[in-house]
Amino acid sequence: MAPTATAYSTKAQATTHQAPLALTDDQLDQIMRHATVLHPQLRRVFVERVVYELRGQTIGDGVVFRACAKVLKEAGMFDPPELDSGRMPRVSKWDR
C-alpha cells in the first residue's frame, strides 16, 4: 500500500488546511543553507518551525533570515563545536 500525502504531514498540517507560503527561490535557498548546519534528521523539523514562524507575516528576505536565526537559536537544534577543546588553534594565521 502506497503512503498518502497526509502520511508525511504533521498533525498541525493535517488539521489546518492553510495555503502554502509563497517563497522566492532565494528565500528557499536561504532556509536550506541554514538547515545544512543541522543533523539531516533535524532538517525537516527546522523547516517546519521556520514555516510556523513565517505564518501571518509579510514575507521578505530579512524576515526569512530572522525566522531562521530565531529557530536555530531558540530551538536548541544546533550544537556548535567547542573551539577551546584543542581542535583549532586560538592564534590567527597572521600572529604565527
N, C-alpha and C. Protein backbone atom coordinates (compact mmCIF):
# COMPACT_ATOMS: atom_id res chain seq x y z
N MET A 1 0.84 -1.17 0.00
CA MET A 1 0.00 0.00 0.00
C MET A 1 0.89 1.24 0.00
N ALA A 2 0.67 2.14 -0.91
CA ALA A 2 1.47 3.36 -1.03
C ALA A 2 1.00 4.39 0.00
N PRO A 3 1.95 5.09 0.62
CA PRO A 3 1.55 6.11 1.59
C PRO A 3 0.88 7.28 0.91
N THR A 4 -0.07 7.86 1.59
CA THR A 4 -0.77 9.02 1.05
C THR A 4 0.00 10.29 1.36
N ALA A 5 -0.44 11.39 0.79
CA ALA A 5 0.24 12.66 1.02
C ALA A 5 0.14 13.09 2.48
N THR A 6 -0.97 12.75 3.14
CA THR A 6 -1.12 13.16 4.54
C THR A 6 -0.30 12.29 5.48
N ALA A 7 0.22 11.18 5.00
CA ALA A 7 1.02 10.32 5.86
C ALA A 7 2.33 11.00 6.26
N TYR A 8 2.80 11.94 5.45
CA TYR A 8 4.05 12.64 5.75
C TYR A 8 3.83 13.99 6.42
N SER A 9 2.60 14.41 6.58
CA SER A 9 2.35 15.70 7.20
C SER A 9 2.24 15.56 8.70
N THR A 10 2.51 16.65 9.39
CA THR A 10 2.38 16.64 10.84
C THR A 10 0.92 16.80 11.21
N LYS A 11 0.60 16.59 12.47
CA LYS A 11 -0.78 16.73 12.91
C LYS A 11 -1.28 18.15 12.71
N ALA A 12 -0.41 19.12 12.95
CA ALA A 12 -0.81 20.52 12.78
C ALA A 12 -1.15 20.80 11.32
N GLN A 13 -0.38 20.24 10.41
CA GLN A 13 -0.66 20.46 9.00
C GLN A 13 -1.92 19.73 8.56
N ALA A 14 -2.18 18.58 9.12
CA ALA A 14 -3.34 17.80 8.73
C ALA A 14 -4.63 18.45 9.21
N THR A 15 -4.60 19.13 10.35
CA THR A 15 -5.82 19.72 10.89
C THR A 15 -6.08 21.12 10.36
N THR A 16 -5.06 21.87 10.01
CA THR A 16 -5.26 23.21 9.49
C THR A 16 -4.85 23.23 8.02
N HIS A 17 -5.79 23.46 7.17
CA HIS A 17 -5.53 23.47 5.73
C HIS A 17 -5.26 24.91 5.30
N GLN A 18 -4.02 25.34 5.49
CA GLN A 18 -3.64 26.69 5.13
C GLN A 18 -2.99 26.68 3.76
N ALA A 19 -3.03 27.84 3.14
CA ALA A 19 -2.40 27.97 1.84
C ALA A 19 -0.89 27.89 2.00
N PRO A 20 -0.18 27.35 1.01
CA PRO A 20 1.27 27.28 1.11
C PRO A 20 1.89 28.67 1.08
N LEU A 21 3.09 28.78 1.65
CA LEU A 21 3.79 30.05 1.64
C LEU A 21 4.35 30.33 0.26
N ALA A 22 4.33 31.58 -0.12
CA ALA A 22 4.91 31.99 -1.39
C ALA A 22 6.32 32.50 -1.14
N LEU A 23 7.31 31.63 -1.35
CA LEU A 23 8.71 31.98 -1.14
C LEU A 23 9.42 32.07 -2.48
N THR A 24 10.34 33.01 -2.58
CA THR A 24 11.16 33.09 -3.79
C THR A 24 12.23 32.00 -3.73
N ASP A 25 12.89 31.78 -4.83
CA ASP A 25 13.98 30.79 -4.86
C ASP A 25 15.09 31.18 -3.89
N ASP A 26 15.41 32.47 -3.83
CA ASP A 26 16.46 32.93 -2.91
C ASP A 26 16.07 32.71 -1.46
N GLN A 27 14.81 32.93 -1.12
CA GLN A 27 14.35 32.71 0.25
C GLN A 27 14.39 31.24 0.62
N LEU A 28 13.98 30.39 -0.30
CA LEU A 28 14.03 28.95 -0.06
C LEU A 28 15.48 28.48 0.07
N ASP A 29 16.37 29.01 -0.77
CA ASP A 29 17.79 28.69 -0.65
C ASP A 29 18.36 29.12 0.70
N GLN A 30 17.90 30.26 1.18
CA GLN A 30 18.37 30.76 2.46
C GLN A 30 17.95 29.81 3.60
N ILE A 31 16.73 29.33 3.56
CA ILE A 31 16.26 28.37 4.56
C ILE A 31 17.08 27.09 4.49
N MET A 32 17.32 26.61 3.29
CA MET A 32 18.07 25.36 3.13
C MET A 32 19.54 25.53 3.56
N ARG A 33 20.13 26.71 3.32
CA ARG A 33 21.50 26.96 3.78
C ARG A 33 21.57 26.95 5.30
N HIS A 34 20.58 27.52 5.95
CA HIS A 34 20.54 27.48 7.41
C HIS A 34 20.37 26.04 7.91
N ALA A 35 19.63 25.24 7.19
CA ALA A 35 19.38 23.85 7.61
C ALA A 35 20.61 22.96 7.44
N THR A 36 21.56 23.35 6.60
CA THR A 36 22.71 22.47 6.35
C THR A 36 23.61 22.29 7.57
N VAL A 37 23.56 23.20 8.54
CA VAL A 37 24.39 23.05 9.73
C VAL A 37 23.81 22.03 10.71
N LEU A 38 22.61 21.57 10.45
CA LEU A 38 21.93 20.64 11.34
C LEU A 38 22.12 19.20 10.91
N HIS A 39 21.89 18.30 11.84
CA HIS A 39 21.88 16.87 11.53
C HIS A 39 20.78 16.62 10.50
N PRO A 40 21.00 15.75 9.52
CA PRO A 40 19.99 15.52 8.48
C PRO A 40 18.60 15.16 9.00
N GLN A 41 18.52 14.49 10.13
CA GLN A 41 17.21 14.12 10.67
C GLN A 41 16.48 15.31 11.30
N LEU A 42 17.18 16.39 11.58
CA LEU A 42 16.55 17.57 12.19
C LEU A 42 16.16 18.63 11.16
N ARG A 43 16.57 18.45 9.94
CA ARG A 43 16.34 19.49 8.92
C ARG A 43 14.86 19.70 8.62
N ARG A 44 14.10 18.64 8.55
CA ARG A 44 12.67 18.78 8.26
C ARG A 44 11.96 19.52 9.39
N VAL A 45 12.31 19.18 10.62
CA VAL A 45 11.72 19.85 11.78
C VAL A 45 12.07 21.33 11.76
N PHE A 46 13.32 21.64 11.39
CA PHE A 46 13.75 23.02 11.29
C PHE A 46 12.91 23.78 10.27
N VAL A 47 12.73 23.21 9.10
CA VAL A 47 11.95 23.88 8.04
C VAL A 47 10.51 24.08 8.50
N GLU A 48 9.93 23.09 9.17
CA GLU A 48 8.56 23.22 9.66
C GLU A 48 8.45 24.34 10.69
N ARG A 49 9.45 24.48 11.55
CA ARG A 49 9.41 25.55 12.56
C ARG A 49 9.59 26.91 11.92
N VAL A 50 10.42 27.00 10.90
CA VAL A 50 10.60 28.27 10.19
C VAL A 50 9.29 28.65 9.52
N VAL A 51 8.62 27.71 8.89
CA VAL A 51 7.34 27.99 8.25
C VAL A 51 6.32 28.47 9.29
N TYR A 52 6.33 27.85 10.46
CA TYR A 52 5.42 28.26 11.53
C TYR A 52 5.72 29.71 11.94
N GLU A 53 7.00 30.07 12.01
CA GLU A 53 7.38 31.44 12.37
C GLU A 53 6.96 32.44 11.29
N LEU A 54 6.95 32.02 10.04
CA LEU A 54 6.64 32.93 8.94
C LEU A 54 5.14 33.12 8.71
N ARG A 55 4.31 32.25 9.25
CA ARG A 55 2.86 32.35 9.05
C ARG A 55 2.34 33.69 9.56
N GLY A 56 1.53 34.34 8.77
CA GLY A 56 0.88 35.58 9.18
C GLY A 56 1.75 36.82 9.02
N GLN A 57 2.94 36.70 8.48
CA GLN A 57 3.83 37.85 8.28
C GLN A 57 3.95 38.18 6.81
N THR A 58 4.28 39.43 6.54
CA THR A 58 4.65 39.81 5.18
C THR A 58 6.07 39.30 4.96
N ILE A 59 6.23 38.41 4.00
CA ILE A 59 7.49 37.70 3.85
C ILE A 59 8.44 38.47 2.94
N GLY A 60 9.61 38.74 3.49
CA GLY A 60 10.70 39.36 2.75
C GLY A 60 11.98 38.61 3.10
N ASP A 61 13.07 38.97 2.44
CA ASP A 61 14.34 38.28 2.68
C ASP A 61 14.80 38.42 4.13
N GLY A 62 14.67 39.61 4.69
CA GLY A 62 15.08 39.84 6.07
C GLY A 62 14.24 39.07 7.07
N VAL A 63 12.94 38.98 6.80
CA VAL A 63 12.04 38.25 7.70
C VAL A 63 12.39 36.76 7.69
N VAL A 64 12.70 36.23 6.52
CA VAL A 64 13.09 34.82 6.41
C VAL A 64 14.39 34.57 7.17
N PHE A 65 15.36 35.47 7.01
CA PHE A 65 16.64 35.31 7.72
C PHE A 65 16.43 35.34 9.23
N ARG A 66 15.65 36.31 9.71
CA ARG A 66 15.41 36.41 11.15
C ARG A 66 14.66 35.21 11.69
N ALA A 67 13.72 34.68 10.93
CA ALA A 67 12.99 33.49 11.36
C ALA A 67 13.94 32.29 11.46
N CYS A 68 14.82 32.13 10.50
CA CYS A 68 15.80 31.03 10.53
C CYS A 68 16.73 31.18 11.73
N ALA A 69 17.22 32.38 11.94
CA ALA A 69 18.14 32.61 13.07
C ALA A 69 17.43 32.37 14.40
N LYS A 70 16.19 32.80 14.50
CA LYS A 70 15.43 32.62 15.74
C LYS A 70 15.21 31.15 16.03
N VAL A 71 14.84 30.38 15.02
CA VAL A 71 14.60 28.95 15.22
C VAL A 71 15.90 28.25 15.60
N LEU A 72 16.99 28.57 14.93
CA LEU A 72 18.28 27.95 15.27
C LEU A 72 18.69 28.28 16.71
N LYS A 73 18.45 29.52 17.12
CA LYS A 73 18.87 29.95 18.45
C LYS A 73 17.97 29.38 19.54
N GLU A 74 16.66 29.45 19.36
CA GLU A 74 15.73 29.10 20.42
C GLU A 74 15.36 27.62 20.48
N ALA A 75 15.46 26.92 19.38
CA ALA A 75 15.03 25.52 19.35
C ALA A 75 16.08 24.58 19.93
N GLY A 76 17.32 25.01 19.99
CA GLY A 76 18.37 24.17 20.54
C GLY A 76 18.77 23.03 19.64
N MET A 77 18.50 23.13 18.36
CA MET A 77 18.87 22.07 17.42
C MET A 77 20.33 22.12 17.03
N PHE A 78 20.90 23.32 16.99
CA PHE A 78 22.28 23.49 16.54
C PHE A 78 23.22 23.38 17.72
N ASP A 79 24.19 22.51 17.61
CA ASP A 79 25.19 22.30 18.65
C ASP A 79 26.55 22.70 18.07
N PRO A 80 26.97 23.96 18.29
CA PRO A 80 28.23 24.40 17.68
C PRO A 80 29.43 23.68 18.27
N PRO A 81 30.51 23.54 17.50
CA PRO A 81 31.71 22.86 18.01
C PRO A 81 32.39 23.70 19.09
N GLU A 82 33.03 23.03 20.01
CA GLU A 82 33.78 23.71 21.06
C GLU A 82 35.16 24.07 20.51
N LEU A 83 35.45 25.34 20.41
CA LEU A 83 36.74 25.75 19.86
C LEU A 83 37.85 25.70 20.90
N ASP A 84 37.49 25.62 22.17
CA ASP A 84 38.50 25.56 23.22
C ASP A 84 38.95 24.14 23.54
N SER A 85 38.48 23.17 22.77
CA SER A 85 38.81 21.78 23.06
C SER A 85 40.16 21.36 22.47
N GLY A 86 40.86 22.26 21.82
CA GLY A 86 42.17 21.94 21.28
C GLY A 86 42.14 21.52 19.82
N ARG A 87 40.97 21.49 19.22
CA ARG A 87 40.91 21.08 17.82
C ARG A 87 41.40 22.16 16.88
N MET A 88 41.22 23.40 17.29
CA MET A 88 41.67 24.51 16.45
C MET A 88 42.53 25.44 17.29
N PRO A 89 43.60 25.96 16.72
CA PRO A 89 44.44 26.88 17.49
C PRO A 89 43.72 28.20 17.73
N ARG A 90 43.96 28.82 18.86
CA ARG A 90 43.36 30.11 19.19
C ARG A 90 44.17 31.27 18.64
N VAL A 91 45.21 30.99 17.89
CA VAL A 91 46.07 32.02 17.32
C VAL A 91 45.74 32.14 15.84
N SER A 92 45.57 33.36 15.40
CA SER A 92 45.27 33.54 13.99
C SER A 92 46.50 33.25 13.14
N LYS A 93 46.29 33.02 11.88
CA LYS A 93 47.41 32.72 11.00
C LYS A 93 48.33 33.92 10.84
N TRP A 94 47.84 35.13 11.11
CA TRP A 94 48.66 36.32 10.98
C TRP A 94 49.56 36.52 12.19
N ASP A 95 49.21 35.91 13.33
CA ASP A 95 50.02 36.04 14.54
C ASP A 95 51.12 34.98 14.62
N ARG A 96 51.14 34.02 13.74
CA ARG A 96 52.14 32.94 13.81
C ARG A 96 53.47 33.36 13.31
